[in-house]
Amino acid sequence: MSYFTWKETGLTTDCASLESMASRFEESAKLMRRMSKEGFKLKKQGTRQIITHENSDVFSSWGFISEESPFKQLTFISTDNNKTAN
């Protein structure tokens, strides 16, 4: 399953006012709601929270890079795409 870790380390550090901070949080909330509607899930893995999606095509269509080990990522490669034409 494709996943990435959501790390918020500076969402509002460059904001000059409470209003700009609120706007930044609202934009983040819109993104998270949209991701939820598209089937992304939040999963607790040890002390981390990761964002997952069962469909690797949907995951990659958003431009996310999976943090899975290379071996796990290779299981998503379709063998149909690797066939050569005769």
C-alpha atoms as a PDB file:
ATOM      1  CA  MET A   1       0.000   0.000   0.000  1.00  0.00           C
ATOM      2  CA  SER A   2       1.421   3.385  -0.999  1.00  0.00           C
ATOM      3  CA  TYR A   3       1.903   5.862   1.811  1.00  0.00           C
ATOM      4  CA  PHE A   4       3.705   8.981   2.937  1.00  0.00           C
ATOM      5  CA  THR A   5       4.237  10.661   6.298  1.00  0.00           C
ATOM      6  CA  TRP A   6       2.567  13.998   6.934  1.00  0.00           C
ATOM      7  CA  LYS A   7       5.119  16.154   8.739  1.00  0.00           C
ATOM      8  CA  GLU A   8       4.033  19.650   9.652  1.00  0.00           C
ATOM      9  CA  THR A   9       7.134  21.563  10.613  1.00  0.00           C
ATOM     10  CA  GLY A  10       6.444  25.034   9.338  1.00  0.00           C
ATOM     11  CA  LEU A  11       2.894  25.464   8.143  1.00  0.00           C
ATOM     12  CA  THR A  12       2.587  28.891   9.729  1.00  0.00           C
ATOM     13  CA  THR A  13       6.160  29.944  10.520  1.00  0.00           C
ATOM     14  CA  ASP A  14       6.206  32.475   7.687  1.00  0.00           C
ATOM     15  CA  CYS A  15       2.779  33.980   8.455  1.00  0.00           C
ATOM     16  CA  ALA A  16       2.727  37.625   9.524  1.00  0.00           C
ATOM     17  CA  SER A  17      -0.736  37.703  11.077  1.00  0.00           C
ATOM     18  CA  LEU A  18      -3.392  35.550  12.696  1.00  0.00           C
ATOM     19  CA  GLU A  19      -5.496  36.022   9.558  1.00  0.00           C
ATOM     20  CA  SER A  20      -2.749  34.610   7.337  1.00  0.00           C
ATOM     21  CA  MET A  21      -2.301  31.704   9.761  1.00  0.00           C
ATOM     22  CA  ALA A  22      -6.047  30.990   9.625  1.00  0.00           C
ATOM     23  CA  SER A  23      -5.986  31.067   5.809  1.00  0.00           C
ATOM     24  CA  ARG A  24      -3.104  28.602   5.731  1.00  0.00           C
ATOM     25  CA  PHE A  25      -4.947  26.215   8.073  1.00  0.00           C
ATOM     26  CA  GLU A  26      -8.121  26.509   5.999  1.00  0.00           C
ATOM     27  CA  GLU A  27      -6.252  25.643   2.793  1.00  0.00           C
ATOM     28  CA  SER A  28      -4.668  22.636   4.504  1.00  0.00           C
ATOM     29  CA  ALA A  29      -8.070  21.514   5.780  1.00  0.00           C
ATOM     30  CA  LYS A  30      -9.542  21.769   2.252  1.00  0.00           C
ATOM     31  CA  LEU A  31      -6.709  19.617   0.925  1.00  0.00           C
ATOM     32  CA  MET A  32      -7.177  17.002   3.655  1.00  0.00           C
ATOM     33  CA  ARG A  33     -10.947  16.861   3.052  1.00  0.00           C
ATOM     34  CA  ARG A  34     -10.389  16.439  -0.685  1.00  0.00           C
ATOM     35  CA  MET A  35      -7.860  13.676  -0.038  1.00  0.00           C
ATOM     36  CA  SER A  36     -10.362  11.944   2.247  1.00  0.00           C
ATOM     37  CA  LYS A  37     -13.066  12.084  -0.434  1.00  0.00           C
ATOM     38  CA  GLU A  38     -10.580  10.566  -2.915  1.00  0.00           C
ATOM     39  CA  GLY A  39     -10.037   7.585  -0.612  1.00  0.00           C
ATOM     40  CA  PHE A  40      -6.867   8.515   1.262  1.00  0.00           C
ATOM     41  CA  LYS A  41      -6.766   7.222   4.845  1.00  0.00           C
ATOM     42  CA  LEU A  42      -4.815   8.222   7.933  1.00  0.00           C
ATOM     43  CA  LYS A  43      -3.106   5.297   9.639  1.00  0.00           C
ATOM     44  CA  LYS A  44      -1.116   5.174  12.871  1.00  0.00           C
ATOM     45  CA  GLN A  45       2.178   3.310  12.432  1.00  0.00           C
ATOM     46  CA  GLY A  46       4.086   3.233  15.698  1.00  0.00           C
ATOM     47  CA  THR A  47       4.491   6.867  16.721  1.00  0.00           C
ATOM     48  CA  ARG A  48       3.972   8.155  13.163  1.00  0.00           C
ATOM     49  CA  GLN A  49       0.816   9.017  11.310  1.00  0.00           C
ATOM     50  CA  ILE A  50       0.977   8.063   7.656  1.00  0.00           C
ATOM     51  CA  ILE A  51      -1.373   8.826   4.794  1.00  0.00           C
ATOM     52  CA  THR A  52      -2.224   5.823   2.649  1.00  0.00           C
ATOM     53  CA  HIS A  53      -4.214   4.913  -0.422  1.00  0.00           C
ATOM     54  CA  GLU A  54      -5.077   1.391  -1.570  1.00  0.00           C
ATOM     55  CA  ASN A  55      -4.825   2.342  -5.259  1.00  0.00           C
ATOM     56  CA  SER A  56      -1.255   3.163  -6.283  1.00  0.00           C
ATOM     57  CA  ASP A  57      -2.476   4.881  -9.477  1.00  0.00           C
ATOM     58  CA  VAL A  58      -4.583   7.358  -7.477  1.00  0.00           C
ATOM     59  CA  PHE A  59      -1.701   7.856  -5.045  1.00  0.00           C
ATOM     60  CA  SER A  60       0.780   8.671  -7.793  1.00  0.00           C
ATOM     61  CA  SER A  61      -1.722  10.799  -9.744  1.00  0.00           C
ATOM     62  CA  TRP A  62      -1.586  13.259  -6.840  1.00  0.00           C
ATOM     63  CA  GLY A  63       2.196  13.460  -7.255  1.00  0.00           C
ATOM     64  CA  PHE A  64       2.999  11.746  -3.965  1.00  0.00           C
ATOM     65  CA  ILE A  65       6.115   9.630  -3.638  1.00  0.00           C
ATOM     66  CA  SER A  66       5.614   6.408  -1.701  1.00  0.00           C
ATOM     67  CA  GLU A  67       7.817   5.849   1.329  1.00  0.00           C
ATOM     68  CA  GLU A  68       7.431   2.080   1.045  1.00  0.00           C
ATOM     69  CA  SER A  69      10.546  -0.006   0.710  1.00  0.00           C
ATOM     70  CA  PRO A  70      11.672  -0.492  -2.918  1.00  0.00           C
ATOM     71  CA  PHE A  71      10.671  -4.174  -2.763  1.00  0.00           C
ATOM     72  CA  LYS A  72       7.090  -3.272  -1.792  1.00  0.00           C
ATOM     73  CA  GLN A  73       6.940  -0.565  -4.467  1.00  0.00           C
ATOM     74  CA  LEU A  74       7.946  -3.039  -7.173  1.00  0.00           C
ATOM     75  CA  THR A  75       4.865  -5.146  -6.437  1.00  0.00           C
ATOM     76  CA  PHE A  76       2.762  -2.356  -7.964  1.00  0.00           C
ATOM     77  CA  ILE A  77       4.456  -2.552 -11.376  1.00  0.00           C
ATOM     78  CA  SER A  78       2.141  -4.273 -13.805  1.00  0.00           C
ATOM     79  CA  THR A  79       3.706  -7.115 -15.780  1.00  0.00           C
ATOM     80  CA  ASP A  80       1.532  -6.133 -18.766  1.00  0.00           C
ATOM     81  CA  ASN A  81       3.568  -2.955 -19.162  1.00  0.00           C
ATOM     82  CA  ASN A  82       6.803  -4.948 -19.365  1.00  0.00           C
ATOM     83  CA  LYS A  83       5.832  -7.243 -22.250  1.00  0.00           C
ATOM     84  CA  THR A  84       7.601  -6.736 -25.536  1.00  0.00           C
ATOM     85  CA  ALA A  85       5.770  -6.768 -28.833  1.00  0.00           C
ATOM     86  CA  ASN A  86       6.575  -9.621 -31.214  1.00  0.00           C
END
